[in-house]
């Protein structure tokens, strides 16, 4: 399977929206007390802004958008922390029909490339506590736990 990671384009809006809705459906199934279904998670205007900042990528498989990756560059500086620049993975989602085919690996390679180009000190992300498959994949690629979010309802 030929997987190409490229910057998202305006014509990718419907595919990106579909994939993000699949992820939202998983979140709703895991935590309906927090998440709700929303057919329009990302408006076309917001999508345009995401494209313009250059940090939104798609996995293109033979002309089909099969995955979405959004990153943010963060500068961390405070009296309590060592000054660092990180790449934060805001979203990494693969279409349900394409999961398990190596798209996540290609996304990680892209983020590693961005880390080298930018000179960032590290890569970080958050994962839903119920998303065991994603958690295991991240561990496989060398991610370790940095913190644990907790809640009291």
C-alpha atoms as a PDB file:
ATOM      1  CA  UNK A   1       0.000   0.000   0.000  1.00  0.00           C
ATOM      2  CA  UNK A   2       1.433   3.347  -1.070  1.00  0.00           C
ATOM      3  CA  UNK A   3       0.993   5.835   1.792  1.00  0.00           C
ATOM      4  CA  UNK A   4       1.946   9.454   1.235  1.00  0.00           C
ATOM      5  CA  UNK A   5       1.858  12.008   4.067  1.00  0.00           C
ATOM      6  CA  UNK A   6       1.166  15.479   2.723  1.00  0.00           C
ATOM      7  CA  UNK A   7      -0.144  18.845   3.859  1.00  0.00           C
ATOM      8  CA  UNK A   8      -3.925  18.957   3.935  1.00  0.00           C
ATOM      9  CA  UNK A   9      -5.696  20.884   1.197  1.00  0.00           C
ATOM     10  CA  UNK A  10      -9.129  22.528   1.084  1.00  0.00           C
ATOM     11  CA  UNK A  11     -10.445  19.670  -1.045  1.00  0.00           C
ATOM     12  CA  UNK A  12      -9.703  17.272   1.845  1.00  0.00           C
ATOM     13  CA  UNK A  13     -12.343  18.854   4.092  1.00  0.00           C
ATOM     14  CA  UNK A  14     -15.062  16.183   3.728  1.00  0.00           C
ATOM     15  CA  UNK A  15     -12.640  13.297   4.237  1.00  0.00           C
ATOM     16  CA  UNK A  16     -10.998  14.920   7.259  1.00  0.00           C
ATOM     17  CA  UNK A  17     -14.399  15.710   8.735  1.00  0.00           C
ATOM     18  CA  UNK A  18     -15.528  12.092   8.225  1.00  0.00           C
ATOM     19  CA  UNK A  19     -12.446  10.704   9.967  1.00  0.00           C
ATOM     20  CA  UNK A  20     -12.701  13.136  12.869  1.00  0.00           C
ATOM     21  CA  UNK A  21     -16.370  12.171  13.273  1.00  0.00           C
ATOM     22  CA  UNK A  22     -15.341   8.503  13.529  1.00  0.00           C
ATOM     23  CA  UNK A  23     -13.013   9.418  16.385  1.00  0.00           C
ATOM     24  CA  UNK A  24     -15.734  11.490  18.037  1.00  0.00           C
ATOM     25  CA  UNK A  25     -18.086   8.489  17.853  1.00  0.00           C
ATOM     26  CA  UNK A  26     -15.504   6.407  19.745  1.00  0.00           C
ATOM     27  CA  UNK A  27     -15.190   9.116  22.390  1.00  0.00           C
ATOM     28  CA  UNK A  28     -18.967   9.293  22.760  1.00  0.00           C
ATOM     29  CA  UNK A  29     -19.164   5.507  23.147  1.00  0.00           C
ATOM     30  CA  UNK A  30     -16.481   5.581  25.855  1.00  0.00           C
ATOM     31  CA  UNK A  31     -17.670   8.694  27.693  1.00  0.00           C
ATOM     32  CA  UNK A  32     -21.195   9.844  26.786  1.00  0.00           C
ATOM     33  CA  UNK A  33     -21.152  11.883  29.993  1.00  0.00           C
ATOM     34  CA  UNK A  34     -18.503  14.148  28.477  1.00  0.00           C
ATOM     35  CA  UNK A  35     -18.653  13.838  24.679  1.00  0.00           C
ATOM     36  CA  UNK A  36     -21.579  14.320  22.304  1.00  0.00           C
ATOM     37  CA  UNK A  37     -22.124  13.571  18.659  1.00  0.00           C
ATOM     38  CA  UNK A  38     -21.567  16.540  16.420  1.00  0.00           C
ATOM     39  CA  UNK A  39     -21.603  16.207  12.645  1.00  0.00           C
ATOM     40  CA  UNK A  40     -19.701  19.471  12.288  1.00  0.00           C
ATOM     41  CA  UNK A  41     -16.727  19.154  14.630  1.00  0.00           C
ATOM     42  CA  UNK A  42     -14.610  21.292  12.339  1.00  0.00           C
ATOM     43  CA  UNK A  43     -16.258  24.018  10.288  1.00  0.00           C
ATOM     44  CA  UNK A  44     -14.909  24.770   6.840  1.00  0.00           C
ATOM     45  CA  UNK A  45     -13.665  28.125   8.139  1.00  0.00           C
ATOM     46  CA  UNK A  46     -11.733  26.515  10.980  1.00  0.00           C
ATOM     47  CA  UNK A  47     -10.434  23.886   8.556  1.00  0.00           C
ATOM     48  CA  UNK A  48      -9.142  26.700   6.336  1.00  0.00           C
ATOM     49  CA  UNK A  49      -7.271  28.192   9.286  1.00  0.00           C
ATOM     50  CA  UNK A  50      -5.804  24.788  10.164  1.00  0.00           C
ATOM     51  CA  UNK A  51      -4.535  24.440   6.612  1.00  0.00           C
ATOM     52  CA  UNK A  52      -3.095  27.946   6.532  1.00  0.00           C
ATOM     53  CA  UNK A  53      -0.899  27.338   9.582  1.00  0.00           C
ATOM     54  CA  UNK A  54       0.709  24.377   7.782  1.00  0.00           C
ATOM     55  CA  UNK A  55       0.391  21.953  10.695  1.00  0.00           C
ATOM     56  CA  UNK A  56      -2.373  19.732   9.321  1.00  0.00           C
ATOM     57  CA  UNK A  57      -1.385  16.638   7.382  1.00  0.00           C
ATOM     58  CA  UNK A  58      -3.252  13.785   5.760  1.00  0.00           C
ATOM     59  CA  UNK A  59      -2.329  10.249   4.841  1.00  0.00           C
ATOM     60  CA  UNK A  60      -3.084   9.868   1.154  1.00  0.00           C
ATOM     61  CA  UNK A  61      -3.539   6.286  -0.036  1.00  0.00           C
ATOM     62  CA  UNK A  62      -4.003   6.205  -3.788  1.00  0.00           C
ATOM     63  CA  UNK A  63      -5.889   9.504  -3.799  1.00  0.00           C
ATOM     64  CA  UNK A  64      -8.019   8.650  -0.750  1.00  0.00           C
ATOM     65  CA  UNK A  65      -7.531  10.509   2.520  1.00  0.00           C
ATOM     66  CA  UNK A  66      -7.149   7.708   5.059  1.00  0.00           C
ATOM     67  CA  UNK A  67      -5.808   9.597   8.073  1.00  0.00           C
ATOM     68  CA  UNK A  68      -5.378  12.983   9.712  1.00  0.00           C
ATOM     69  CA  UNK A  69      -2.488  14.410  11.738  1.00  0.00           C
ATOM     70  CA  UNK A  70      -2.474  17.809  13.416  1.00  0.00           C
ATOM     71  CA  UNK A  71       0.518  19.125  15.337  1.00  0.00           C
ATOM     72  CA  UNK A  72       1.248  22.251  17.343  1.00  0.00           C
ATOM     73  CA  UNK A  73       4.652  23.696  18.153  1.00  0.00           C
ATOM     74  CA  UNK A  74       4.878  24.708  21.815  1.00  0.00           C
ATOM     75  CA  UNK A  75       7.509  26.680  23.680  1.00  0.00           C
ATOM     76  CA  UNK A  76       7.569  25.816  27.373  1.00  0.00           C
ATOM     77  CA  UNK A  77       9.251  28.263  29.691  1.00  0.00           C
ATOM     78  CA  UNK A  78       8.461  28.887  33.340  1.00  0.00           C
ATOM     79  CA  UNK A  79      10.189  29.138  36.717  1.00  0.00           C
ATOM     80  CA  UNK A  80       9.174  25.527  37.404  1.00  0.00           C
ATOM     81  CA  UNK A  81      10.177  23.932  34.094  1.00  0.00           C
ATOM     82  CA  UNK A  82      13.246  23.486  31.985  1.00  0.00           C
ATOM     83  CA  UNK A  83      12.818  25.577  28.846  1.00  0.00           C
ATOM     84  CA  UNK A  84      11.827  23.284  26.002  1.00  0.00           C
ATOM     85  CA  UNK A  85      10.320  23.329  22.553  1.00  0.00           C
ATOM     86  CA  UNK A  86       8.002  20.449  21.804  1.00  0.00           C
ATOM     87  CA  UNK A  87       5.818  19.220  19.018  1.00  0.00           C
ATOM     88  CA  UNK A  88       2.411  18.339  20.409  1.00  0.00           C
ATOM     89  CA  UNK A  89       0.284  15.875  18.457  1.00  0.00           C
ATOM     90  CA  UNK A  90      -3.192  17.396  18.742  1.00  0.00           C
ATOM     91  CA  UNK A  91      -4.890  14.773  16.580  1.00  0.00           C
ATOM     92  CA  UNK A  92      -3.854  11.541  14.964  1.00  0.00           C
ATOM     93  CA  UNK A  93      -6.752   9.646  13.451  1.00  0.00           C
ATOM     94  CA  UNK A  94      -6.991   6.890  10.876  1.00  0.00           C
ATOM     95  CA  UNK A  95     -10.126   5.966   8.961  1.00  0.00           C
ATOM     96  CA  UNK A  96     -11.644   2.784  10.381  1.00  0.00           C
ATOM     97  CA  UNK A  97     -11.210   1.005   7.014  1.00  0.00           C
ATOM     98  CA  UNK A  98      -7.458   1.687   7.047  1.00  0.00           C
ATOM     99  CA  UNK A  99      -6.466   0.970  10.654  1.00  0.00           C
ATOM    100  CA  UNK A 100      -3.688  -1.537  11.171  1.00  0.00           C
ATOM    101  CA  UNK A 101      -2.091  -0.852   7.785  1.00  0.00           C
ATOM    102  CA  UNK A 102       0.889   1.260   8.853  1.00  0.00           C
ATOM    103  CA  UNK A 103      -0.566   4.752   8.541  1.00  0.00           C
ATOM    104  CA  UNK A 104       0.214   5.525  12.189  1.00  0.00           C
ATOM    105  CA  UNK A 105       3.837   4.520  11.544  1.00  0.00           C
ATOM    106  CA  UNK A 106       4.020   6.953   8.626  1.00  0.00           C
ATOM    107  CA  UNK A 107       2.544   9.702  10.803  1.00  0.00           C
ATOM    108  CA  UNK A 108       5.171   9.052  13.492  1.00  0.00           C
ATOM    109  CA  UNK A 109       7.911   9.236  10.880  1.00  0.00           C
ATOM    110  CA  UNK A 110       6.510  12.577   9.720  1.00  0.00           C
ATOM    111  CA  UNK A 111       6.484  13.930  13.273  1.00  0.00           C
ATOM    112  CA  UNK A 112      10.052  12.716  13.825  1.00  0.00           C
ATOM    113  CA  UNK A 113      11.041  14.524  10.627  1.00  0.00           C
ATOM    114  CA  UNK A 114       9.327  17.706  11.859  1.00  0.00           C
ATOM    115  CA  UNK A 115      11.180  17.369  15.171  1.00  0.00           C
ATOM    116  CA  UNK A 116      14.530  17.238  13.394  1.00  0.00           C
ATOM    117  CA  UNK A 117      13.691  20.129  11.070  1.00  0.00           C
ATOM    118  CA  UNK A 118      12.414  22.340  13.885  1.00  0.00           C
ATOM    119  CA  UNK A 119      15.057  21.364  16.419  1.00  0.00           C
ATOM    120  CA  UNK A 120      12.333  20.517  18.948  1.00  0.00           C
ATOM    121  CA  UNK A 121      13.335  18.820  22.185  1.00  0.00           C
ATOM    122  CA  UNK A 122      10.523  16.287  22.205  1.00  0.00           C
ATOM    123  CA  UNK A 123       7.166  15.060  20.979  1.00  0.00           C
ATOM    124  CA  UNK A 124       4.126  14.844  23.238  1.00  0.00           C
ATOM    125  CA  UNK A 125       0.492  13.814  22.967  1.00  0.00           C
ATOM    126  CA  UNK A 126      -2.524  12.897  25.046  1.00  0.00           C
ATOM    127  CA  UNK A 127      -4.520   9.707  24.697  1.00  0.00           C
ATOM    128  CA  UNK A 128      -7.989   8.901  25.966  1.00  0.00           C
ATOM    129  CA  UNK A 129      -7.732   6.482  28.896  1.00  0.00           C
ATOM    130  CA  UNK A 130     -10.278   4.198  27.180  1.00  0.00           C
ATOM    131  CA  UNK A 131      -8.345   4.063  23.905  1.00  0.00           C
ATOM    132  CA  UNK A 132      -6.236   1.026  24.723  1.00  0.00           C
ATOM    133  CA  UNK A 133      -5.267   0.344  21.094  1.00  0.00           C
ATOM    134  CA  UNK A 134      -3.832   3.835  20.636  1.00  0.00           C
ATOM    135  CA  UNK A 135      -2.090   3.688  24.017  1.00  0.00           C
ATOM    136  CA  UNK A 136      -0.358   0.427  23.058  1.00  0.00           C
ATOM    137  CA  UNK A 137       0.630   1.822  19.664  1.00  0.00           C
ATOM    138  CA  UNK A 138       2.172   4.901  21.285  1.00  0.00           C
ATOM    139  CA  UNK A 139       4.101   2.728  23.733  1.00  0.00           C
ATOM    140  CA  UNK A 140       5.334   0.620  20.816  1.00  0.00           C
ATOM    141  CA  UNK A 141       6.795   3.772  19.259  1.00  0.00           C
ATOM    142  CA  UNK A 142       8.620   4.709  22.434  1.00  0.00           C
ATOM    143  CA  UNK A 143       6.207   7.109  24.142  1.00  0.00           C
ATOM    144  CA  UNK A 144       6.167   6.948  27.931  1.00  0.00           C
ATOM    145  CA  UNK A 145       3.698   8.343  30.442  1.00  0.00           C
ATOM    146  CA  UNK A 146       4.462  11.898  31.474  1.00  0.00           C
ATOM    147  CA  UNK A 147       1.392  12.659  33.554  1.00  0.00           C
ATOM    148  CA  UNK A 148      -2.026  11.214  34.271  1.00  0.00           C
ATOM    149  CA  UNK A 149      -5.183  13.314  34.186  1.00  0.00           C
ATOM    150  CA  UNK A 150      -7.734  12.420  36.821  1.00  0.00           C
ATOM    151  CA  UNK A 151     -11.274  13.582  37.492  1.00  0.00           C
ATOM    152  CA  UNK A 152     -13.889  13.538  40.210  1.00  0.00           C
ATOM    153  CA  UNK A 153     -17.510  13.569  39.091  1.00  0.00           C
END
